[in-house]
Amino acid sequence: MKRINFHPSVLQVIYLVTFFMLFVFLVYTPTLIRGPVNINSKLIIEEETIEGILLSFLFIMSISIFNLYKREVKKQKRVIEALGNE
């Protein structure tokens, strides 16, 4: 059996840790938010609305982080190719 020597880069570790933290927060959002929020006597935000907004925000954040990661990987590949061409 062939051994694979895989050493993750700092960027990969940061990406995975951040993505894991977002995932955990996403899963526990319904548990963290309990009941409606009273901003004042006339403005009450329901629990489902808060959860929906927070889940949407976390989803958009995860997509943004993934796109930033892909962009950084492309940049690093270009640097490696440039070094290889020299």
PDB file of N, CA and C in Angstrom:
ATOM      1  N   MET A   1       0.843  -1.173   0.000  1.00  0.00           N
ATOM      2  CA  MET A   1       0.000   0.000   0.000  1.00  0.00           C
ATOM      3  C   MET A   1       0.892   1.242   0.000  1.00  0.00           C
ATOM      4  N   LYS A   2       0.559   2.190  -0.847  1.00  0.00           N
ATOM      5  CA  LYS A   2       1.348   3.405  -0.985  1.00  0.00           C
ATOM      6  C   LYS A   2       0.930   4.434   0.066  1.00  0.00           C
ATOM      7  N   ARG A   3       1.916   5.024   0.726  1.00  0.00           N
ATOM      8  CA  ARG A   3       1.632   6.060   1.726  1.00  0.00           C
ATOM      9  C   ARG A   3       1.563   7.413   1.040  1.00  0.00           C
ATOM     10  N   ILE A   4       0.598   8.209   1.467  1.00  0.00           N
ATOM     11  CA  ILE A   4       0.442   9.554   0.932  1.00  0.00           C
ATOM     12  C   ILE A   4       0.935  10.540   1.976  1.00  0.00           C
ATOM     13  N   ASN A   5       1.878  11.349   1.589  1.00  0.00           N
ATOM     14  CA  ASN A   5       2.384  12.379   2.496  1.00  0.00           C
ATOM     15  C   ASN A   5       1.631  13.668   2.227  1.00  0.00           C
ATOM     16  N   PHE A   6       0.648  13.922   3.043  1.00  0.00           N
ATOM     17  CA  PHE A   6      -0.158  15.126   2.891  1.00  0.00           C
ATOM     18  C   PHE A   6       0.097  16.039   4.078  1.00  0.00           C
ATOM     19  N   HIS A   7       0.559  17.233   3.788  1.00  0.00           N
ATOM     20  CA  HIS A   7       0.814  18.232   4.817  1.00  0.00           C
ATOM     21  C   HIS A   7      -0.035  19.454   4.482  1.00  0.00           C
ATOM     22  N   PRO A   8      -1.117  19.672   5.243  1.00  0.00           N
ATOM     23  CA  PRO A   8      -1.989  20.809   4.916  1.00  0.00           C
ATOM     24  C   PRO A   8      -1.283  22.143   5.143  1.00  0.00           C
ATOM     25  N   SER A   9      -1.613  23.096   4.290  1.00  0.00           N
ATOM     26  CA  SER A   9      -1.034  24.428   4.437  1.00  0.00           C
ATOM     27  C   SER A   9      -1.793  25.197   5.520  1.00  0.00           C
ATOM     28  N   VAL A  10      -1.248  26.309   5.910  1.00  0.00           N
ATOM     29  CA  VAL A  10      -1.889  27.161   6.919  1.00  0.00           C
ATOM     30  C   VAL A  10      -3.238  27.643   6.407  1.00  0.00           C
ATOM     31  N   LEU A  11      -3.304  27.982   5.122  1.00  0.00           N
ATOM     32  CA  LEU A  11      -4.548  28.443   4.526  1.00  0.00           C
ATOM     33  C   LEU A  11      -5.628  27.363   4.596  1.00  0.00           C
ATOM     34  N   GLN A  12      -5.258  26.114   4.326  1.00  0.00           N
ATOM     35  CA  GLN A  12      -6.219  25.021   4.399  1.00  0.00           C
ATOM     36  C   GLN A  12      -6.715  24.806   5.822  1.00  0.00           C
ATOM     37  N   VAL A  13      -5.815  24.884   6.770  1.00  0.00           N
ATOM     38  CA  VAL A  13      -6.202  24.686   8.171  1.00  0.00           C
ATOM     39  C   VAL A  13      -7.142  25.798   8.626  1.00  0.00           C
ATOM     40  N   ILE A  14      -6.810  27.039   8.302  1.00  0.00           N
ATOM     41  CA  ILE A  14      -7.669  28.170   8.682  1.00  0.00           C
ATOM     42  C   ILE A  14      -9.040  28.032   8.034  1.00  0.00           C
ATOM     43  N   TYR A  15      -9.058  27.661   6.755  1.00  0.00           N
ATOM     44  CA  TYR A  15     -10.326  27.486   6.039  1.00  0.00           C
ATOM     45  C   TYR A  15     -11.176  26.401   6.697  1.00  0.00           C
ATOM     46  N   LEU A  16     -10.584  25.258   6.979  1.00  0.00           N
ATOM     47  CA  LEU A  16     -11.349  24.162   7.565  1.00  0.00           C
ATOM     48  C   LEU A  16     -11.846  24.488   8.966  1.00  0.00           C
ATOM     49  N   VAL A  17     -11.018  25.123   9.772  1.00  0.00           N
ATOM     50  CA  VAL A  17     -11.446  25.495  11.131  1.00  0.00           C
ATOM     51  C   VAL A  17     -12.584  26.509  11.065  1.00  0.00           C
ATOM     52  N   THR A  18     -12.461  27.502  10.203  1.00  0.00           N
ATOM     53  CA  THR A  18     -13.515  28.510  10.064  1.00  0.00           C
ATOM     54  C   THR A  18     -14.803  27.886   9.553  1.00  0.00           C
ATOM     55  N   PHE A  19     -14.681  27.028   8.558  1.00  0.00           N
ATOM     56  CA  PHE A  19     -15.863  26.378   7.996  1.00  0.00           C
ATOM     57  C   PHE A  19     -16.527  25.475   9.034  1.00  0.00           C
ATOM     58  N   PHE A  20     -15.722  24.765   9.818  1.00  0.00           N
ATOM     59  CA  PHE A  20     -16.262  23.907  10.866  1.00  0.00           C
ATOM     60  C   PHE A  20     -16.994  24.730  11.929  1.00  0.00           C
ATOM     61  N   MET A  21     -16.414  25.857  12.330  1.00  0.00           N
ATOM     62  CA  MET A  21     -17.059  26.726  13.324  1.00  0.00           C
ATOM     63  C   MET A  21     -18.388  27.263  12.786  1.00  0.00           C
ATOM     64  N   LEU A  22     -18.416  27.675  11.520  1.00  0.00           N
ATOM     65  CA  LEU A  22     -19.665  28.141  10.916  1.00  0.00           C
ATOM     66  C   LEU A  22     -20.700  27.029  10.883  1.00  0.00           C
ATOM     67  N   PHE A  23     -20.265  25.826  10.542  1.00  0.00           N
ATOM     68  CA  PHE A  23     -21.188  24.695  10.488  1.00  0.00           C
ATOM     69  C   PHE A  23     -21.788  24.404  11.861  1.00  0.00           C
ATOM     70  N   VAL A  24     -20.952  24.392  12.888  1.00  0.00           N
ATOM     71  CA  VAL A  24     -21.442  24.140  14.252  1.00  0.00           C
ATOM     72  C   VAL A  24     -22.423  25.232  14.660  1.00  0.00           C
ATOM     73  N   PHE A  25     -22.086  26.480  14.379  1.00  0.00           N
ATOM     74  CA  PHE A  25     -22.985  27.589  14.724  1.00  0.00           C
ATOM     75  C   PHE A  25     -24.295  27.476  13.949  1.00  0.00           C
ATOM     76  N   LEU A  26     -24.211  27.042  12.702  1.00  0.00           N
ATOM     77  CA  LEU A  26     -25.395  26.874  11.871  1.00  0.00           C
ATOM     78  C   LEU A  26     -26.304  25.786  12.434  1.00  0.00           C
ATOM     79  N   VAL A  27     -25.725  24.686  12.882  1.00  0.00           N
ATOM     80  CA  VAL A  27     -26.506  23.575  13.418  1.00  0.00           C
ATOM     81  C   VAL A  27     -27.170  23.956  14.746  1.00  0.00           C
ATOM     82  N   TYR A  28     -26.458  24.708  15.577  1.00  0.00           N
ATOM     83  CA  TYR A  28     -26.984  25.045  16.899  1.00  0.00           C
ATOM     84  C   TYR A  28     -27.785  26.349  16.945  1.00  0.00           C
ATOM     85  N   THR A  29     -27.995  26.992  15.810  1.00  0.00           N
ATOM     86  CA  THR A  29     -28.768  28.239  15.794  1.00  0.00           C
ATOM     87  C   THR A  29     -30.167  28.083  16.387  1.00  0.00           C
ATOM     88  N   PRO A  30     -30.934  27.053  15.992  1.00  0.00           N
ATOM     89  CA  PRO A  30     -32.264  26.920  16.605  1.00  0.00           C
ATOM     90  C   PRO A  30     -32.227  26.705  18.113  1.00  0.00           C
ATOM     91  N   THR A  31     -31.166  26.084  18.618  1.00  0.00           N
ATOM     92  CA  THR A  31     -31.043  25.864  20.058  1.00  0.00           C
ATOM     93  C   THR A  31     -30.668  27.158  20.776  1.00  0.00           C
ATOM     94  N   LEU A  32     -29.847  27.984  20.131  1.00  0.00           N
ATOM     95  CA  LEU A  32     -29.381  29.222  20.758  1.00  0.00           C
ATOM     96  C   LEU A  32     -30.470  30.278  20.856  1.00  0.00           C
ATOM     97  N   ILE A  33     -31.347  30.326  19.864  1.00  0.00           N
ATOM     98  CA  ILE A  33     -32.389  31.356  19.841  1.00  0.00           C
ATOM     99  C   ILE A  33     -33.661  30.767  20.431  1.00  0.00           C
ATOM    100  N   ARG A  34     -34.109  31.360  21.507  1.00  0.00           N
ATOM    101  CA  ARG A  34     -35.323  30.878  22.183  1.00  0.00           C
ATOM    102  C   ARG A  34     -36.294  32.035  22.370  1.00  0.00           C
ATOM    103  N   GLY A  35     -37.409  31.946  21.733  1.00  0.00           N
ATOM    104  CA  GLY A  35     -38.468  32.932  21.896  1.00  0.00           C
ATOM    105  C   GLY A  35     -38.252  34.194  21.091  1.00  0.00           C
ATOM    106  N   PRO A  36     -39.276  35.012  20.995  1.00  0.00           N
ATOM    107  CA  PRO A  36     -39.181  36.264  20.240  1.00  0.00           C
ATOM    108  C   PRO A  36     -38.331  37.299  20.968  1.00  0.00           C
ATOM    109  N   VAL A  37     -37.871  38.296  20.211  1.00  0.00           N
ATOM    110  CA  VAL A  37     -37.063  39.363  20.777  1.00  0.00           C
ATOM    111  C   VAL A  37     -37.898  40.627  20.792  1.00  0.00           C
ATOM    112  N   ASN A  38     -38.032  41.252  21.953  1.00  0.00           N
ATOM    113  CA  ASN A  38     -38.767  42.498  22.093  1.00  0.00           C
ATOM    114  C   ASN A  38     -37.794  43.663  22.019  1.00  0.00           C
ATOM    115  N   ILE A  39     -37.834  44.396  20.893  1.00  0.00           N
ATOM    116  CA  ILE A  39     -36.972  45.559  20.760  1.00  0.00           C
ATOM    117  C   ILE A  39     -37.588  46.740  21.492  1.00  0.00           C
ATOM    118  N   ASN A  40     -38.863  46.964  21.301  1.00  0.00           N
ATOM    119  CA  ASN A  40     -39.635  47.908  22.107  1.00  0.00           C
ATOM    120  C   ASN A  40     -41.059  47.375  22.187  1.00  0.00           C
ATOM    121  N   SER A  41     -41.960  48.127  22.744  1.00  0.00           N
ATOM    122  CA  SER A  41     -43.315  47.611  22.960  1.00  0.00           C
ATOM    123  C   SER A  41     -44.062  47.341  21.654  1.00  0.00           C
ATOM    124  N   LYS A  42     -43.681  48.010  20.562  1.00  0.00           N
ATOM    125  CA  LYS A  42     -44.379  47.820  19.293  1.00  0.00           C
ATOM    126  C   LYS A  42     -43.652  46.892  18.334  1.00  0.00           C
ATOM    127  N   LEU A  43     -42.337  46.772  18.484  1.00  0.00           N
ATOM    128  CA  LEU A  43     -41.545  45.979  17.548  1.00  0.00           C
ATOM    129  C   LEU A  43     -41.090  44.679  18.205  1.00  0.00           C
ATOM    130  N   ILE A  44     -41.692  43.587  17.769  1.00  0.00           N
ATOM    131  CA  ILE A  44     -41.355  42.263  18.274  1.00  0.00           C
ATOM    132  C   ILE A  44     -40.936  41.407  17.080  1.00  0.00           C
ATOM    133  N   ILE A  45     -39.757  40.853  17.145  1.00  0.00           N
ATOM    134  CA  ILE A  45     -39.271  39.997  16.071  1.00  0.00           C
ATOM    135  C   ILE A  45     -39.454  38.546  16.509  1.00  0.00           C
ATOM    136  N   GLU A  46     -40.161  37.790  15.691  1.00  0.00           N
ATOM    137  CA  GLU A  46     -40.458  36.398  16.020  1.00  0.00           C
ATOM    138  C   GLU A  46     -39.213  35.521  15.914  1.00  0.00           C
ATOM    139  N   GLU A  47     -39.249  34.408  16.619  1.00  0.00           N
ATOM    140  CA  GLU A  47     -38.132  33.474  16.677  1.00  0.00           C
ATOM    141  C   GLU A  47     -37.769  32.927  15.291  1.00  0.00           C
ATOM    142  N   GLU A  48     -38.765  32.564  14.498  1.00  0.00           N
ATOM    143  CA  GLU A  48     -38.510  32.014  13.170  1.00  0.00           C
ATOM    144  C   GLU A  48     -37.842  33.033  12.258  1.00  0.00           C
ATOM    145  N   THR A  49     -38.225  34.297  12.394  1.00  0.00           N
ATOM    146  CA  THR A  49     -37.629  35.353  11.581  1.00  0.00           C
ATOM    147  C   THR A  49     -36.153  35.533  11.933  1.00  0.00           C
ATOM    148  N   ILE A  50     -35.843  35.562  13.214  1.00  0.00           N
ATOM    149  CA  ILE A  50     -34.456  35.704  13.666  1.00  0.00           C
ATOM    150  C   ILE A  50     -33.625  34.521  13.176  1.00  0.00           C
ATOM    151  N   GLU A  51     -34.156  33.312  13.317  1.00  0.00           N
ATOM    152  CA  GLU A  51     -33.430  32.128  12.865  1.00  0.00           C
ATOM    153  C   GLU A  51     -33.197  32.179  11.357  1.00  0.00           C
ATOM    154  N   GLY A  52     -34.204  32.565  10.601  1.00  0.00           N
ATOM    155  CA  GLY A  52     -34.073  32.654   9.149  1.00  0.00           C
ATOM    156  C   GLY A  52     -33.025  33.668   8.739  1.00  0.00           C
ATOM    157  N   ILE A  53     -33.034  34.823   9.370  1.00  0.00           N
ATOM    158  CA  ILE A  53     -32.042  35.864   9.059  1.00  0.00           C
ATOM    159  C   ILE A  53     -30.637  35.388   9.412  1.00  0.00           C
ATOM    160  N   LEU A  54     -30.482  34.802  10.585  1.00  0.00           N
ATOM    161  CA  LEU A  54     -29.170  34.333  11.019  1.00  0.00           C
ATOM    162  C   LEU A  54     -28.659  33.194  10.134  1.00  0.00           C
ATOM    163  N   LEU A  55     -29.524  32.246   9.792  1.00  0.00           N
ATOM    164  CA  LEU A  55     -29.122  31.143   8.926  1.00  0.00           C
ATOM    165  C   LEU A  55     -28.752  31.645   7.530  1.00  0.00           C
ATOM    166  N   SER A  56     -29.497  32.617   7.025  1.00  0.00           N
ATOM    167  CA  SER A  56     -29.169  33.200   5.722  1.00  0.00           C
ATOM    168  C   SER A  56     -27.816  33.896   5.772  1.00  0.00           C
ATOM    169  N   PHE A  57     -27.582  34.653   6.834  1.00  0.00           N
ATOM    170  CA  PHE A  57     -26.301  35.339   7.006  1.00  0.00           C
ATOM    171  C   PHE A  57     -25.153  34.341   7.068  1.00  0.00           C
ATOM    172  N   LEU A  58     -25.319  33.265   7.828  1.00  0.00           N
ATOM    173  CA  LEU A  58     -24.266  32.257   7.947  1.00  0.00           C
ATOM    174  C   LEU A  58     -24.030  31.554   6.616  1.00  0.00           C
ATOM    175  N   PHE A  59     -25.096  31.300   5.865  1.00  0.00           N
ATOM    176  CA  PHE A  59     -24.958  30.664   4.564  1.00  0.00           C
ATOM    177  C   PHE A  59     -24.192  31.565   3.600  1.00  0.00           C
ATOM    178  N   ILE A  60     -24.548  32.836   3.565  1.00  0.00           N
ATOM    179  CA  ILE A  60     -23.847  33.796   2.706  1.00  0.00           C
ATOM    180  C   ILE A  60     -22.383  33.922   3.128  1.00  0.00           C
ATOM    181  N   MET A  61     -22.141  33.917   4.427  1.00  0.00           N
ATOM    182  CA  MET A  61     -20.781  34.000   4.934  1.00  0.00           C
ATOM    183  C   MET A  61     -19.963  32.775   4.515  1.00  0.00           C
ATOM    184  N   SER A  62     -20.563  31.595   4.580  1.00  0.00           N
ATOM    185  CA  SER A  62     -19.840  30.382   4.191  1.00  0.00           C
ATOM    186  C   SER A  62     -19.522  30.389   2.697  1.00  0.00           C
ATOM    187  N   ILE A  63     -20.442  30.867   1.868  1.00  0.00           N
ATOM    188  CA  ILE A  63     -20.182  30.962   0.434  1.00  0.00           C
ATOM    189  C   ILE A  63     -19.071  31.974   0.171  1.00  0.00           C
ATOM    190  N   SER A  64     -19.093  33.082   0.877  1.00  0.00           N
ATOM    191  CA  SER A  64     -18.049  34.098   0.712  1.00  0.00           C
ATOM    192  C   SER A  64     -16.680  33.562   1.110  1.00  0.00           C
ATOM    193  N   ILE A  65     -16.611  32.851   2.207  1.00  0.00           N
ATOM    194  CA  ILE A  65     -15.344  32.278   2.656  1.00  0.00           C
ATOM    195  C   ILE A  65     -14.843  31.256   1.642  1.00  0.00           C
ATOM    196  N   PHE A  66     -15.752  30.453   1.097  1.00  0.00           N
ATOM    197  CA  PHE A  66     -15.354  29.472   0.091  1.00  0.00           C
ATOM    198  C   PHE A  66     -14.805  30.161  -1.156  1.00  0.00           C
ATOM    199  N   ASN A  67     -15.463  31.230  -1.595  1.00  0.00           N
ATOM    200  CA  ASN A  67     -14.976  31.971  -2.768  1.00  0.00           C
ATOM    201  C   ASN A  67     -13.627  32.628  -2.501  1.00  0.00           C
ATOM    202  N   LEU A  68     -13.440  33.179  -1.302  1.00  0.00           N
ATOM    203  CA  LEU A  68     -12.139  33.747  -0.943  1.00  0.00           C
ATOM    204  C   LEU A  68     -11.052  32.676  -0.945  1.00  0.00           C
ATOM    205  N   TYR A  69     -11.398  31.507  -0.441  1.00  0.00           N
ATOM    206  CA  TYR A  69     -10.446  30.400  -0.421  1.00  0.00           C
ATOM    207  C   TYR A  69     -10.065  29.988  -1.843  1.00  0.00           C
ATOM    208  N   LYS A  70     -11.063  29.853  -2.723  1.00  0.00           N
ATOM    209  CA  LYS A  70     -10.785  29.483  -4.109  1.00  0.00           C
ATOM    210  C   LYS A  70      -9.910  30.531  -4.786  1.00  0.00           C
ATOM    211  N   ARG A  71     -10.192  31.805  -4.550  1.00  0.00           N
ATOM    212  CA  ARG A  71      -9.399  32.885  -5.133  1.00  0.00           C
ATOM    213  C   ARG A  71      -7.951  32.825  -4.640  1.00  0.00           C
ATOM    214  N   GLU A  72      -7.775  32.572  -3.359  1.00  0.00           N
ATOM    215  CA  GLU A  72      -6.430  32.491  -2.793  1.00  0.00           C
ATOM    216  C   GLU A  72      -5.680  31.276  -3.339  1.00  0.00           C
ATOM    217  N   VAL A  73      -6.367  30.170  -3.516  1.00  0.00           N
ATOM    218  CA  VAL A  73      -5.736  28.976  -4.078  1.00  0.00           C
ATOM    219  C   VAL A  73      -5.286  29.252  -5.508  1.00  0.00           C
ATOM    220  N   LYS A  74      -6.114  29.917  -6.304  1.00  0.00           N
ATOM    221  CA  LYS A  74      -5.733  30.267  -7.672  1.00  0.00           C
ATOM    222  C   LYS A  74      -4.513  31.179  -7.677  1.00  0.00           C
ATOM    223  N   LYS A  75      -4.490  32.137  -6.749  1.00  0.00           N
ATOM    224  CA  LYS A  75      -3.354  33.050  -6.660  1.00  0.00           C
ATOM    225  C   LYS A  75      -2.074  32.294  -6.310  1.00  0.00           C
ATOM    226  N   GLN A  76      -2.180  31.354  -5.377  1.00  0.00           N
ATOM    227  CA  GLN A  76      -1.010  30.568  -4.983  1.00  0.00           C
ATOM    228  C   GLN A  76      -0.528  29.677  -6.125  1.00  0.00           C
ATOM    229  N   LYS A  77      -1.460  29.118  -6.909  1.00  0.00           N
ATOM    230  CA  LYS A  77      -1.088  28.291  -8.061  1.00  0.00           C
ATOM    231  C   LYS A  77      -0.350  29.128  -9.101  1.00  0.00           C
ATOM    232  N   ARG A  78      -0.806  30.371  -9.312  1.00  0.00           N
ATOM    233  CA  ARG A  78      -0.116  31.256 -10.260  1.00  0.00           C
ATOM    234  C   ARG A  78       1.302  31.563  -9.792  1.00  0.00           C
ATOM    235  N   VAL A  79       1.462  31.767  -8.496  1.00  0.00           N
ATOM    236  CA  VAL A  79       2.792  32.035  -7.939  1.00  0.00           C
ATOM    237  C   VAL A  79       3.694  30.821  -8.142  1.00  0.00           C
ATOM    238  N   ILE A  80       3.161  29.634  -7.895  1.00  0.00           N
ATOM    239  CA  ILE A  80       3.948  28.414  -8.069  1.00  0.00           C
ATOM    240  C   ILE A  80       4.324  28.230  -9.533  1.00  0.00           C
ATOM    241  N   GLU A  81       3.382  28.479 -10.433  1.00  0.00           N
ATOM    242  CA  GLU A  81       3.682  28.370 -11.869  1.00  0.00           C
ATOM    243  C   GLU A  81       4.735  29.384 -12.298  1.00  0.00           C
ATOM    244  N   ALA A  82       4.639  30.596 -11.773  1.00  0.00           N
ATOM    245  CA  ALA A  82       5.619  31.630 -12.099  1.00  0.00           C
ATOM    246  C   ALA A  82       7.011  31.229 -11.616  1.00  0.00           C
ATOM    247  N   LEU A  83       7.078  30.643 -10.426  1.00  0.00           N
ATOM    248  CA  LEU A  83       8.363  30.185  -9.904  1.00  0.00           C
ATOM    249  C   LEU A  83       8.906  29.019 -10.733  1.00  0.00           C
ATOM    250  N   GLY A  84       8.000  28.173 -11.198  1.00  0.00           N
ATOM    251  CA  GLY A  84       8.413  27.039 -12.020  1.00  0.00           C
ATOM    252  C   GLY A  84       8.908  27.472 -13.386  1.00  0.00           C
ATOM    253  N   ASN A  85       8.363  28.551 -13.917  1.00  0.00           N
ATOM    254  CA  ASN A  85       8.777  29.041 -15.223  1.00  0.00           C
ATOM    255  C   ASN A  85      10.126  29.756 -15.177  1.00  0.00           C
ATOM    256  N   GLU A  86      10.479  30.255 -14.021  1.00  0.00           N
ATOM    257  CA  GLU A  86      11.755  30.977 -13.893  1.00  0.00           C
ATOM    258  C   GLU A  86      12.846  30.035 -13.730  1.00  0.00           C
TER     259      GLU A  86
END
